[in-house]
N, C-alpha and C. Protein backbone atom coordinates (compact mmCIF):
# COMPACT_ATOMS: atom_id res chain seq x y z
N UNK A 1 121.59 116.61 117.81
CA UNK A 1 122.67 116.72 116.90
C UNK A 1 123.90 115.95 117.36
N UNK A 2 124.15 116.03 118.64
CA UNK A 2 125.33 115.34 119.25
C UNK A 2 125.30 113.88 119.11
N UNK A 3 124.08 113.25 119.30
CA UNK A 3 123.93 111.79 119.19
C UNK A 3 124.06 111.36 117.71
N UNK A 4 123.66 112.30 116.78
CA UNK A 4 123.79 111.92 115.33
C UNK A 4 125.25 111.81 114.99
N UNK A 5 126.07 112.80 115.41
CA UNK A 5 127.52 112.78 115.08
C UNK A 5 128.19 111.65 115.82
N UNK A 6 127.76 111.31 117.00
CA UNK A 6 128.31 110.20 117.72
C UNK A 6 128.07 108.89 116.94
N UNK A 7 126.80 108.77 116.45
CA UNK A 7 126.48 107.53 115.67
C UNK A 7 127.27 107.51 114.38
N UNK A 8 127.48 108.62 113.71
CA UNK A 8 128.28 108.68 112.48
C UNK A 8 129.72 108.28 112.79
N UNK A 9 130.23 108.83 113.90
CA UNK A 9 131.66 108.50 114.21
C UNK A 9 131.77 106.98 114.60
N UNK A 10 130.78 106.45 115.28
CA UNK A 10 130.82 105.00 115.64
C UNK A 10 130.87 104.21 114.35
N UNK A 11 130.07 104.59 113.37
CA UNK A 11 130.01 103.82 112.07
C UNK A 11 131.41 103.92 111.44
N UNK A 12 132.00 105.10 111.38
CA UNK A 12 133.30 105.28 110.74
C UNK A 12 134.41 104.57 111.46
N UNK A 13 134.34 104.59 112.86
CA UNK A 13 135.30 103.87 113.64
C UNK A 13 135.19 102.37 113.41
N UNK A 14 134.00 101.87 113.27
CA UNK A 14 133.76 100.50 113.00
C UNK A 14 134.38 100.07 111.65
N UNK A 15 134.15 100.91 110.61
CA UNK A 15 134.78 100.69 109.37
C UNK A 15 136.30 100.69 109.43
N UNK A 16 136.84 101.65 110.16
CA UNK A 16 138.32 101.72 110.34
C UNK A 16 138.82 100.42 111.01
N UNK A 17 138.10 99.94 111.97
CA UNK A 17 138.55 98.69 112.59
C UNK A 17 138.54 97.52 111.64
N UNK A 18 137.41 97.47 110.87
CA UNK A 18 137.32 96.36 109.90
C UNK A 18 138.40 96.46 108.79
N UNK A 19 138.62 97.63 108.31
CA UNK A 19 139.70 97.82 107.31
C UNK A 19 141.03 97.43 107.91
N UNK A 20 141.36 97.91 109.12
CA UNK A 20 142.61 97.60 109.75
C UNK A 20 142.79 96.11 109.93
N UNK A 21 141.74 95.47 110.44
CA UNK A 21 141.83 93.99 110.63
C UNK A 21 142.02 93.27 109.29
N UNK A 22 141.25 93.66 108.30
CA UNK A 22 141.40 93.04 106.93
C UNK A 22 142.80 93.22 106.40
N UNK A 23 143.36 94.42 106.59
CA UNK A 23 144.71 94.75 106.12
C UNK A 23 145.76 93.85 106.78
N UNK A 24 145.75 93.77 108.13
CA UNK A 24 146.80 93.00 108.79
C UNK A 24 146.54 91.49 108.65
N UNK A 25 145.33 91.07 108.51
CA UNK A 25 145.01 89.64 108.31
C UNK A 25 145.08 89.18 106.88
N UNK A 26 145.23 90.25 105.97
CA UNK A 26 145.25 89.96 104.53
C UNK A 26 143.99 89.18 104.10
N UNK A 27 142.88 89.62 104.54
CA UNK A 27 141.56 88.95 104.32
C UNK A 27 140.51 89.95 104.02
N UNK A 28 140.21 90.11 102.71
CA UNK A 28 139.28 91.12 102.24
C UNK A 28 138.06 90.38 101.71
N UNK A 29 136.95 90.61 102.32
CA UNK A 29 135.71 89.92 101.90
C UNK A 29 135.03 90.64 100.69
N UNK A 30 135.41 91.89 100.39
CA UNK A 30 134.83 92.59 99.28
C UNK A 30 133.90 93.70 99.70
N UNK A 31 133.28 93.53 100.84
CA UNK A 31 132.36 94.64 101.31
C UNK A 31 132.22 94.51 102.80
N UNK A 32 131.94 95.61 103.43
CA UNK A 32 131.68 95.69 104.86
C UNK A 32 130.30 96.13 105.18
N UNK A 33 129.90 95.97 106.34
CA UNK A 33 128.63 96.45 106.89
C UNK A 33 128.97 97.44 107.99
N UNK A 34 128.65 98.68 107.89
CA UNK A 34 127.88 99.35 106.87
C UNK A 34 128.65 99.40 105.60
N UNK A 35 127.95 99.49 104.42
CA UNK A 35 128.65 99.52 103.09
C UNK A 35 129.49 100.77 102.93
N UNK A 36 130.68 100.56 102.43
CA UNK A 36 131.57 101.64 102.14
C UNK A 36 130.96 102.58 101.12
N UNK A 37 130.18 102.03 100.18
CA UNK A 37 129.59 102.85 99.17
C UNK A 37 128.61 103.90 99.68
N UNK A 38 128.24 103.77 100.97
CA UNK A 38 127.26 104.68 101.51
C UNK A 38 127.89 105.84 102.33
N UNK A 39 129.24 105.98 102.28
CA UNK A 39 129.86 107.05 103.00
C UNK A 39 130.32 108.11 102.03
N UNK A 40 130.49 109.34 102.53
CA UNK A 40 130.93 110.45 101.67
C UNK A 40 132.49 110.46 101.62
N UNK A 41 132.98 111.25 100.71
CA UNK A 41 134.46 111.41 100.59
C UNK A 41 135.03 111.88 101.97
N UNK A 42 134.32 112.91 102.55
CA UNK A 42 134.78 113.42 103.85
C UNK A 42 134.81 112.31 104.86
N UNK A 43 133.77 111.54 104.89
CA UNK A 43 133.79 110.37 105.85
C UNK A 43 134.88 109.35 105.55
N UNK A 44 135.11 109.11 104.30
CA UNK A 44 136.14 108.22 103.91
C UNK A 44 137.54 108.71 104.40
N UNK A 45 137.75 110.01 104.29
CA UNK A 45 139.03 110.55 104.76
C UNK A 45 139.08 110.42 106.31
N UNK A 46 137.96 110.53 107.03
CA UNK A 46 137.95 110.33 108.47
C UNK A 46 138.39 108.89 108.79
N UNK A 47 137.80 107.91 108.00
CA UNK A 47 138.21 106.52 108.15
C UNK A 47 139.67 106.37 107.94
N UNK A 48 140.16 106.99 106.83
CA UNK A 48 141.61 106.96 106.52
C UNK A 48 142.48 107.50 107.76
N UNK A 49 142.04 108.61 108.33
CA UNK A 49 142.71 109.16 109.49
C UNK A 49 142.69 108.21 110.67
N UNK A 50 141.64 107.54 110.91
CA UNK A 50 141.53 106.57 112.03
C UNK A 50 142.43 105.37 111.74
N UNK A 51 142.46 104.94 110.54
CA UNK A 51 143.36 103.78 110.20
C UNK A 51 144.80 104.23 110.35
N UNK A 52 145.18 105.44 109.92
CA UNK A 52 146.49 105.90 110.07
C UNK A 52 146.90 105.97 111.54
N UNK A 53 146.02 106.43 112.39
CA UNK A 53 146.32 106.43 113.81
C UNK A 53 146.62 105.03 114.34
N UNK A 54 145.88 104.06 113.87
CA UNK A 54 146.04 102.67 114.32
C UNK A 54 147.43 102.16 113.86
N UNK A 55 147.75 102.46 112.62
CA UNK A 55 149.03 102.00 112.03
C UNK A 55 150.23 102.64 112.76
N UNK A 56 150.13 103.93 113.04
CA UNK A 56 151.15 104.60 113.80
C UNK A 56 151.27 104.01 115.23
N UNK A 57 150.17 103.69 115.84
CA UNK A 57 150.18 103.05 117.14
C UNK A 57 150.92 101.68 117.15
N UNK A 58 150.87 101.05 115.94
CA UNK A 58 151.54 99.74 115.82
C UNK A 58 153.01 99.91 115.49
N UNK A 59 153.53 101.18 115.40
CA UNK A 59 154.91 101.40 115.15
C UNK A 59 155.29 101.78 113.74
N UNK A 60 154.31 101.86 112.84
CA UNK A 60 154.61 102.28 111.48
C UNK A 60 154.75 103.79 111.45
N UNK A 61 155.51 104.26 110.45
CA UNK A 61 155.72 105.71 110.30
C UNK A 61 155.11 106.16 108.96
N UNK A 62 154.58 107.39 108.99
CA UNK A 62 154.15 107.99 107.73
C UNK A 62 155.38 108.57 107.17
N UNK A 63 155.75 108.10 105.90
CA UNK A 63 156.94 108.52 105.23
C UNK A 63 156.68 109.42 104.04
N UNK A 64 155.51 109.64 103.70
CA UNK A 64 155.11 110.45 102.54
C UNK A 64 153.62 110.41 102.30
N UNK A 65 153.27 110.96 101.15
CA UNK A 65 151.86 111.08 100.80
C UNK A 65 151.74 110.68 99.31
N UNK A 66 150.57 110.29 98.91
CA UNK A 66 150.29 109.90 97.53
C UNK A 66 149.01 110.51 97.07
N UNK A 67 148.92 110.58 95.74
CA UNK A 67 147.74 111.13 95.06
C UNK A 67 147.24 110.05 94.12
N UNK A 68 145.97 109.77 94.16
CA UNK A 68 145.40 108.74 93.29
C UNK A 68 144.27 109.29 92.48
N UNK A 69 143.89 108.52 91.51
CA UNK A 69 142.77 108.88 90.57
C UNK A 69 143.10 110.27 89.98
N UNK A 70 144.25 110.33 89.37
CA UNK A 70 144.67 111.68 88.84
C UNK A 70 144.12 111.89 87.45
N UNK A 71 143.66 110.91 86.73
CA UNK A 71 143.12 111.06 85.45
C UNK A 71 141.59 111.22 85.44
N UNK A 72 141.06 111.97 84.55
CA UNK A 72 139.60 112.17 84.46
C UNK A 72 138.85 110.82 84.24
N UNK A 73 139.47 109.93 83.45
CA UNK A 73 138.86 108.67 83.10
C UNK A 73 138.66 107.82 84.41
N UNK A 74 139.72 107.76 85.22
CA UNK A 74 139.61 106.94 86.48
C UNK A 74 138.69 107.60 87.44
N UNK A 75 138.73 108.96 87.53
CA UNK A 75 137.75 109.64 88.46
C UNK A 75 136.28 109.35 88.06
N UNK A 76 136.11 109.40 86.74
CA UNK A 76 134.71 109.16 86.20
C UNK A 76 134.30 107.72 86.55
N UNK A 77 135.25 106.73 86.39
CA UNK A 77 134.93 105.36 86.69
C UNK A 77 134.46 105.22 88.15
N UNK A 78 135.13 105.96 89.08
CA UNK A 78 134.77 105.80 90.48
C UNK A 78 133.79 106.85 90.98
N UNK A 79 133.34 107.73 90.08
CA UNK A 79 132.40 108.78 90.48
C UNK A 79 132.92 109.89 91.32
N UNK A 80 134.17 110.22 91.09
CA UNK A 80 134.94 111.25 91.86
C UNK A 80 135.00 112.53 91.03
N UNK A 81 134.93 113.63 91.81
CA UNK A 81 135.06 114.91 91.14
C UNK A 81 136.47 115.47 91.18
N UNK A 82 137.33 114.88 92.04
CA UNK A 82 138.69 115.30 92.18
C UNK A 82 139.63 114.14 92.59
N UNK A 83 140.92 114.33 92.50
CA UNK A 83 141.84 113.29 92.85
C UNK A 83 141.71 113.04 94.34
N UNK A 84 142.22 111.85 94.77
CA UNK A 84 142.20 111.54 96.14
C UNK A 84 143.66 111.45 96.69
N UNK A 85 143.82 111.48 97.94
CA UNK A 85 145.17 111.46 98.51
C UNK A 85 145.19 110.49 99.73
N UNK A 86 146.42 110.05 100.05
CA UNK A 86 146.61 109.19 101.21
C UNK A 86 147.99 109.19 101.65
N UNK A 87 148.24 108.49 102.68
CA UNK A 87 149.61 108.44 103.30
C UNK A 87 150.38 107.18 102.82
N UNK A 88 151.76 107.33 102.76
CA UNK A 88 152.57 106.22 102.55
C UNK A 88 153.20 105.86 103.86
N UNK A 89 153.20 104.58 104.18
CA UNK A 89 153.76 104.09 105.38
C UNK A 89 155.04 103.32 105.19
N UNK A 90 155.91 103.37 106.23
CA UNK A 90 157.21 102.83 106.14
C UNK A 90 157.31 101.37 105.63
N UNK A 91 156.43 100.53 105.95
CA UNK A 91 156.55 99.11 105.50
C UNK A 91 156.37 98.93 103.97
N UNK A 92 155.91 99.98 103.35
CA UNK A 92 155.55 99.86 101.95
C UNK A 92 156.41 100.69 101.06
N UNK A 93 157.61 101.00 101.50
CA UNK A 93 158.58 101.76 100.65
C UNK A 93 159.68 100.75 100.34
N UNK A 94 159.97 100.55 99.02
CA UNK A 94 160.90 99.61 98.63
C UNK A 94 161.98 100.24 97.78
N UNK A 95 163.14 99.74 97.81
CA UNK A 95 164.27 100.25 96.99
C UNK A 95 164.06 99.83 95.55
N UNK A 96 164.60 100.58 94.60
CA UNK A 96 164.48 100.21 93.22
C UNK A 96 164.99 98.75 93.00
N UNK A 97 164.25 98.01 92.25
CA UNK A 97 164.62 96.62 91.96
C UNK A 97 164.16 95.63 92.92
N UNK A 98 163.55 96.05 94.02
CA UNK A 98 163.04 95.12 95.05
C UNK A 98 161.95 94.24 94.41
N UNK A 99 161.93 92.99 94.84
CA UNK A 99 160.82 92.10 94.46
C UNK A 99 159.74 92.13 95.46
N UNK A 100 158.51 92.28 95.03
CA UNK A 100 157.38 92.31 95.90
C UNK A 100 156.47 91.13 95.72
N UNK A 101 156.10 90.47 96.80
CA UNK A 101 155.32 89.30 96.73
C UNK A 101 153.85 89.68 96.73
N UNK A 102 153.10 89.45 95.73
CA UNK A 102 151.71 89.78 95.57
C UNK A 102 150.85 89.17 96.69
N UNK A 103 151.29 88.01 97.24
CA UNK A 103 150.54 87.33 98.29
C UNK A 103 150.49 88.21 99.58
N UNK A 104 151.35 89.21 99.68
CA UNK A 104 151.39 90.06 100.87
C UNK A 104 150.31 91.17 100.82
N UNK A 105 149.55 91.20 99.71
CA UNK A 105 148.58 92.29 99.53
C UNK A 105 147.21 91.68 99.19
N UNK A 106 146.18 92.43 99.56
CA UNK A 106 144.85 92.00 99.29
C UNK A 106 144.17 93.04 98.36
N UNK A 107 143.50 92.53 97.32
CA UNK A 107 142.81 93.39 96.39
C UNK A 107 143.75 94.44 95.80
N UNK A 108 144.91 94.02 95.44
CA UNK A 108 145.98 94.88 94.93
C UNK A 108 145.68 95.44 93.51
N UNK A 109 145.94 96.71 93.35
CA UNK A 109 145.85 97.32 92.08
C UNK A 109 147.04 98.23 91.85
N UNK A 110 147.43 98.46 90.62
CA UNK A 110 148.57 99.34 90.35
C UNK A 110 148.06 100.50 89.56
N UNK A 111 148.39 101.70 90.02
CA UNK A 111 148.11 102.92 89.27
C UNK A 111 149.30 103.83 89.34
N UNK A 112 149.76 104.30 88.20
CA UNK A 112 150.90 105.22 88.29
C UNK A 112 150.54 106.43 89.13
N UNK A 113 151.37 106.80 90.03
CA UNK A 113 151.14 107.87 90.96
C UNK A 113 152.16 109.02 90.76
N UNK A 114 151.76 110.21 91.03
CA UNK A 114 152.66 111.34 91.01
C UNK A 114 153.27 111.41 92.43
N UNK A 115 154.56 111.49 92.46
CA UNK A 115 155.23 111.52 93.81
C UNK A 115 155.95 112.78 93.96
């Protein structure tokens, strides 16, 4: 059992490294190996936690939290049974009226969020 969980964690840690690298290099290939589509929601949250640790180690601060996929239609589109949540980091908080350069983001999408 221990080696199974060790292998699972290694896979999730590898994904976290790849996502972190893609984020900072602004280079998203569209899919990773192992495929993201093959992990559970619980595993995805573990990857999110690992990425958050890496971002904090780089000096970023968690300044809040967000909820996504709040509508039934969007949850259905992604095969989710409930809304998802994540952290907001200091570099991505802007004052009202700020101009945001789309070139600074990869695979960007906008969804109204409850704050």
